[in-house]
Amino acid sequence: MSGREMDAVVERASAQLDLLDGALSALQAVRAEAASEDGRVRVEVDGNGSPTGLWLSDSLQDLDAAVLARTIAHTAHLAAAAATEERNRITSELFDTFDAR
């Protein structure tokens, strides 16, 4: 292998490493948020779907505790699904970039 060919291999590997670093940073930055249909519950999750924030409206006194629990769980599920969708978009974009090279 000539020096020029070796330089090309190193350059390609370096470019791919930069792509991987960028994708990793993007994955670590993923956040998603969802609100209940009535807007009284809002949940934020990280890229793994773990809750990072919960906001409850002051107007929840009329809700049964079981209904509130289901609403929170459903809203958290919606936020986690949005985070998963964003993670899938990032990884698909990365794989498409590698396939194109």
N, C-alpha and C. Protein backbone atom coordinates (compact mmCIF):
# COMPACT_ATOMS: atom_id res chain seq x y z
N MET A 1 0.85 -1.16 0.00
CA MET A 1 0.00 0.00 0.00
C MET A 1 0.90 1.23 0.00
N SER A 2 0.60 2.14 -0.90
CA SER A 2 1.41 3.35 -1.01
C SER A 2 1.06 4.33 0.11
N GLY A 3 1.90 5.32 0.26
CA GLY A 3 1.67 6.34 1.27
C GLY A 3 0.37 7.10 1.01
N ARG A 4 0.08 7.35 -0.27
CA ARG A 4 -1.14 8.06 -0.63
C ARG A 4 -2.38 7.23 -0.29
N GLU A 5 -2.30 5.93 -0.54
CA GLU A 5 -3.43 5.04 -0.21
C GLU A 5 -3.62 4.96 1.30
N MET A 6 -2.51 4.90 2.02
CA MET A 6 -2.60 4.85 3.48
C MET A 6 -3.21 6.15 4.02
N ASP A 7 -2.81 7.28 3.45
CA ASP A 7 -3.39 8.57 3.86
C ASP A 7 -4.90 8.59 3.61
N ALA A 8 -5.33 8.02 2.50
CA ALA A 8 -6.76 7.97 2.18
C ALA A 8 -7.52 7.10 3.18
N VAL A 9 -6.91 5.98 3.57
CA VAL A 9 -7.54 5.09 4.55
C VAL A 9 -7.67 5.81 5.90
N VAL A 10 -6.60 6.47 6.31
CA VAL A 10 -6.62 7.19 7.59
C VAL A 10 -7.64 8.33 7.54
N GLU A 11 -7.70 9.04 6.43
CA GLU A 11 -8.67 10.13 6.29
C GLU A 11 -10.11 9.61 6.36
N ARG A 12 -10.36 8.50 5.70
CA ARG A 12 -11.71 7.91 5.72
C ARG A 12 -12.06 7.45 7.14
N ALA A 13 -11.12 6.80 7.81
CA ALA A 13 -11.38 6.34 9.18
C ALA A 13 -11.63 7.53 10.11
N SER A 14 -10.88 8.59 9.92
CA SER A 14 -11.06 9.79 10.74
C SER A 14 -12.43 10.41 10.49
N ALA A 15 -12.85 10.45 9.24
CA ALA A 15 -14.17 11.00 8.91
C ALA A 15 -15.28 10.15 9.52
N GLN A 16 -15.11 8.84 9.48
CA GLN A 16 -16.12 7.95 10.08
C GLN A 16 -16.16 8.11 11.59
N LEU A 17 -15.01 8.29 12.21
CA LEU A 17 -14.96 8.52 13.65
C LEU A 17 -15.69 9.82 14.01
N ASP A 18 -15.50 10.85 13.18
CA ASP A 18 -16.21 12.12 13.41
C ASP A 18 -17.72 11.92 13.30
N LEU A 19 -18.16 11.11 12.33
CA LEU A 19 -19.59 10.82 12.19
C LEU A 19 -20.12 10.10 13.43
N LEU A 20 -19.36 9.12 13.90
CA LEU A 20 -19.78 8.39 15.10
C LEU A 20 -19.84 9.30 16.32
N ASP A 21 -18.84 10.16 16.47
CA ASP A 21 -18.83 11.10 17.60
C ASP A 21 -20.04 12.04 17.53
N GLY A 22 -20.34 12.51 16.34
CA GLY A 22 -21.50 13.39 16.16
C GLY A 22 -22.80 12.68 16.50
N ALA A 23 -22.93 11.44 16.05
CA ALA A 23 -24.14 10.67 16.34
C ALA A 23 -24.26 10.40 17.84
N LEU A 24 -23.15 10.07 18.49
CA LEU A 24 -23.18 9.82 19.93
C LEU A 24 -23.60 11.08 20.69
N SER A 25 -23.07 12.22 20.30
CA SER A 25 -23.46 13.48 20.94
C SER A 25 -24.94 13.75 20.73
N ALA A 26 -25.42 13.51 19.52
CA ALA A 26 -26.84 13.73 19.22
C ALA A 26 -27.72 12.79 20.03
N LEU A 27 -27.30 11.54 20.17
CA LEU A 27 -28.08 10.57 20.95
C LEU A 27 -28.12 10.96 22.42
N GLN A 28 -27.01 11.45 22.94
CA GLN A 28 -26.97 11.86 24.34
C GLN A 28 -27.81 13.11 24.60
N ALA A 29 -28.04 13.90 23.57
CA ALA A 29 -28.80 15.14 23.72
C ALA A 29 -30.30 14.96 23.50
N VAL A 30 -30.72 13.76 23.12
CA VAL A 30 -32.14 13.55 22.83
C VAL A 30 -32.98 13.81 24.07
N ARG A 31 -34.01 14.61 23.88
CA ARG A 31 -35.03 14.87 24.89
C ARG A 31 -36.36 14.90 24.15
N ALA A 32 -37.39 14.46 24.79
CA ALA A 32 -38.72 14.51 24.19
C ALA A 32 -39.73 14.88 25.27
N GLU A 33 -40.80 15.49 24.83
CA GLU A 33 -41.82 15.93 25.76
C GLU A 33 -43.19 15.60 25.17
N ALA A 34 -44.12 15.28 26.04
CA ALA A 34 -45.50 15.04 25.62
C ALA A 34 -46.43 15.64 26.66
N ALA A 35 -47.61 16.00 26.19
CA ALA A 35 -48.64 16.54 27.08
C ALA A 35 -49.89 15.68 26.96
N SER A 36 -50.62 15.60 28.04
CA SER A 36 -51.88 14.86 28.02
C SER A 36 -52.87 15.59 27.11
N GLU A 37 -53.93 14.90 26.72
CA GLU A 37 -54.90 15.49 25.81
C GLU A 37 -55.48 16.79 26.36
N ASP A 38 -55.71 16.84 27.65
CA ASP A 38 -56.30 18.04 28.25
C ASP A 38 -55.24 19.08 28.64
N GLY A 39 -53.95 18.73 28.45
CA GLY A 39 -52.87 19.65 28.72
C GLY A 39 -52.52 19.84 30.18
N ARG A 40 -53.13 19.05 31.05
CA ARG A 40 -52.89 19.24 32.49
C ARG A 40 -51.69 18.45 33.00
N VAL A 41 -51.16 17.54 32.19
CA VAL A 41 -49.99 16.75 32.56
C VAL A 41 -48.98 16.86 31.41
N ARG A 42 -47.74 17.12 31.76
CA ARG A 42 -46.67 17.19 30.78
C ARG A 42 -45.48 16.41 31.33
N VAL A 43 -44.86 15.59 30.47
CA VAL A 43 -43.73 14.75 30.88
C VAL A 43 -42.59 14.96 29.89
N GLU A 44 -41.38 15.10 30.41
CA GLU A 44 -40.18 15.16 29.60
C GLU A 44 -39.35 13.92 29.91
N VAL A 45 -38.74 13.34 28.86
CA VAL A 45 -37.88 12.17 29.03
C VAL A 45 -36.56 12.40 28.32
N ASP A 46 -35.55 11.63 28.72
CA ASP A 46 -34.27 11.67 28.03
C ASP A 46 -34.31 10.68 26.87
N GLY A 47 -33.18 10.51 26.22
CA GLY A 47 -33.11 9.64 25.06
C GLY A 47 -33.36 8.18 25.34
N ASN A 48 -33.27 7.78 26.60
CA ASN A 48 -33.56 6.40 26.98
C ASN A 48 -35.00 6.21 27.42
N GLY A 49 -35.77 7.29 27.41
CA GLY A 49 -37.16 7.22 27.83
C GLY A 49 -37.35 7.39 29.33
N SER A 50 -36.27 7.72 30.03
CA SER A 50 -36.37 7.94 31.49
C SER A 50 -36.90 9.34 31.76
N PRO A 51 -37.89 9.46 32.63
CA PRO A 51 -38.45 10.78 32.92
C PRO A 51 -37.41 11.72 33.52
N THR A 52 -37.41 12.95 33.01
CA THR A 52 -36.53 13.99 33.54
C THR A 52 -37.33 15.18 34.05
N GLY A 53 -38.63 15.19 33.76
CA GLY A 53 -39.46 16.29 34.22
C GLY A 53 -40.93 15.90 34.20
N LEU A 54 -41.66 16.40 35.18
CA LEU A 54 -43.11 16.15 35.27
C LEU A 54 -43.75 17.45 35.72
N TRP A 55 -44.72 17.92 34.94
CA TRP A 55 -45.45 19.13 35.27
C TRP A 55 -46.92 18.80 35.37
N LEU A 56 -47.51 19.21 36.48
CA LEU A 56 -48.93 18.96 36.72
C LEU A 56 -49.64 20.30 36.89
N SER A 57 -50.78 20.42 36.24
CA SER A 57 -51.57 21.64 36.34
C SER A 57 -52.17 21.76 37.74
N ASP A 58 -52.38 22.98 38.16
CA ASP A 58 -53.03 23.21 39.45
C ASP A 58 -54.49 22.77 39.44
N SER A 59 -55.04 22.54 38.26
CA SER A 59 -56.46 22.21 38.15
C SER A 59 -56.73 20.71 38.21
N LEU A 60 -55.90 19.97 38.90
CA LEU A 60 -56.04 18.51 38.95
C LEU A 60 -56.84 18.02 40.15
N GLN A 61 -57.35 18.91 40.98
CA GLN A 61 -58.04 18.47 42.20
C GLN A 61 -59.26 17.60 41.89
N ASP A 62 -59.88 17.80 40.74
CA ASP A 62 -61.09 17.04 40.42
C ASP A 62 -60.79 15.64 39.87
N LEU A 63 -59.53 15.33 39.65
CA LEU A 63 -59.18 14.02 39.08
C LEU A 63 -58.99 12.97 40.16
N ASP A 64 -59.52 11.80 39.91
CA ASP A 64 -59.31 10.64 40.76
C ASP A 64 -57.83 10.26 40.69
N ALA A 65 -57.26 9.80 41.77
CA ALA A 65 -55.83 9.44 41.81
C ALA A 65 -55.48 8.38 40.77
N ALA A 66 -56.35 7.39 40.59
CA ALA A 66 -56.08 6.33 39.61
C ALA A 66 -56.09 6.89 38.19
N VAL A 67 -57.01 7.80 37.91
CA VAL A 67 -57.06 8.43 36.59
C VAL A 67 -55.81 9.27 36.36
N LEU A 68 -55.41 10.00 37.38
CA LEU A 68 -54.19 10.81 37.27
C LEU A 68 -52.98 9.92 37.01
N ALA A 69 -52.88 8.82 37.73
CA ALA A 69 -51.75 7.89 37.54
C ALA A 69 -51.73 7.35 36.11
N ARG A 70 -52.89 6.97 35.59
CA ARG A 70 -52.96 6.47 34.20
C ARG A 70 -52.59 7.57 33.21
N THR A 71 -53.03 8.78 33.48
CA THR A 71 -52.72 9.90 32.59
C THR A 71 -51.22 10.18 32.58
N ILE A 72 -50.60 10.16 33.74
CA ILE A 72 -49.15 10.38 33.82
C ILE A 72 -48.42 9.26 33.07
N ALA A 73 -48.80 8.02 33.31
CA ALA A 73 -48.14 6.89 32.65
C ALA A 73 -48.31 6.96 31.14
N HIS A 74 -49.51 7.28 30.68
CA HIS A 74 -49.77 7.36 29.24
C HIS A 74 -48.96 8.50 28.61
N THR A 75 -48.92 9.63 29.29
CA THR A 75 -48.17 10.77 28.77
C THR A 75 -46.67 10.47 28.74
N ALA A 76 -46.17 9.80 29.76
CA ALA A 76 -44.76 9.39 29.78
C ALA A 76 -44.47 8.42 28.64
N HIS A 77 -45.41 7.53 28.37
CA HIS A 77 -45.24 6.58 27.26
C HIS A 77 -45.15 7.33 25.92
N LEU A 78 -46.00 8.34 25.74
CA LEU A 78 -45.96 9.13 24.50
C LEU A 78 -44.62 9.84 24.35
N ALA A 79 -44.11 10.40 25.45
CA ALA A 79 -42.82 11.09 25.40
C ALA A 79 -41.69 10.10 25.09
N ALA A 80 -41.74 8.92 25.70
CA ALA A 80 -40.72 7.90 25.44
C ALA A 80 -40.76 7.44 23.99
N ALA A 81 -41.96 7.32 23.43
CA ALA A 81 -42.09 6.93 22.03
C ALA A 81 -41.48 8.00 21.12
N ALA A 82 -41.68 9.26 21.45
CA ALA A 82 -41.09 10.34 20.67
C ALA A 82 -39.56 10.32 20.76
N ALA A 83 -39.03 10.03 21.95
CA ALA A 83 -37.58 9.93 22.12
C ALA A 83 -37.03 8.77 21.30
N THR A 84 -37.74 7.66 21.31
CA THR A 84 -37.31 6.49 20.53
C THR A 84 -37.30 6.82 19.04
N GLU A 85 -38.31 7.53 18.59
CA GLU A 85 -38.38 7.93 17.18
C GLU A 85 -37.18 8.80 16.80
N GLU A 86 -36.82 9.72 17.67
CA GLU A 86 -35.67 10.58 17.40
C GLU A 86 -34.37 9.78 17.41
N ARG A 87 -34.22 8.87 18.34
CA ARG A 87 -33.03 8.01 18.37
C ARG A 87 -32.94 7.18 17.09
N ASN A 88 -34.07 6.65 16.65
CA ASN A 88 -34.09 5.87 15.40
C ASN A 88 -33.71 6.73 14.20
N ARG A 89 -34.18 7.98 14.18
CA ARG A 89 -33.84 8.88 13.08
C ARG A 89 -32.33 9.13 13.05
N ILE A 90 -31.74 9.37 14.21
CA ILE A 90 -30.30 9.64 14.28
C ILE A 90 -29.50 8.43 13.83
N THR A 91 -29.85 7.25 14.33
CA THR A 91 -29.08 6.05 13.95
C THR A 91 -29.30 5.69 12.48
N SER A 92 -30.51 5.87 11.97
CA SER A 92 -30.75 5.60 10.55
C SER A 92 -29.92 6.52 9.68
N GLU A 93 -29.87 7.79 10.06
CA GLU A 93 -29.07 8.76 9.32
C GLU A 93 -27.59 8.36 9.34
N LEU A 94 -27.11 7.91 10.47
CA LEU A 94 -25.72 7.47 10.58
C LEU A 94 -25.47 6.27 9.67
N PHE A 95 -26.34 5.27 9.73
CA PHE A 95 -26.15 4.08 8.91
C PHE A 95 -26.26 4.41 7.43
N ASP A 96 -27.18 5.30 7.07
CA ASP A 96 -27.30 5.71 5.66
C ASP A 96 -26.03 6.38 5.18
N THR A 97 -25.42 7.19 6.05
CA THR A 97 -24.17 7.86 5.70
C THR A 97 -23.05 6.85 5.49
N PHE A 98 -22.98 5.84 6.36
CA PHE A 98 -21.95 4.81 6.20
C PHE A 98 -22.19 3.98 4.95
N ASP A 99 -23.45 3.68 4.64
CA ASP A 99 -23.77 2.90 3.45
C ASP A 99 -23.40 3.65 2.17
N ALA A 100 -23.50 4.98 2.22
CA ALA A 100 -23.23 5.80 1.04
C ALA A 100 -21.73 5.91 0.76
N ARG A 101 -20.92 5.57 1.73
CA ARG A 101 -19.47 5.74 1.55
C ARG A 101 -18.83 4.50 1.00
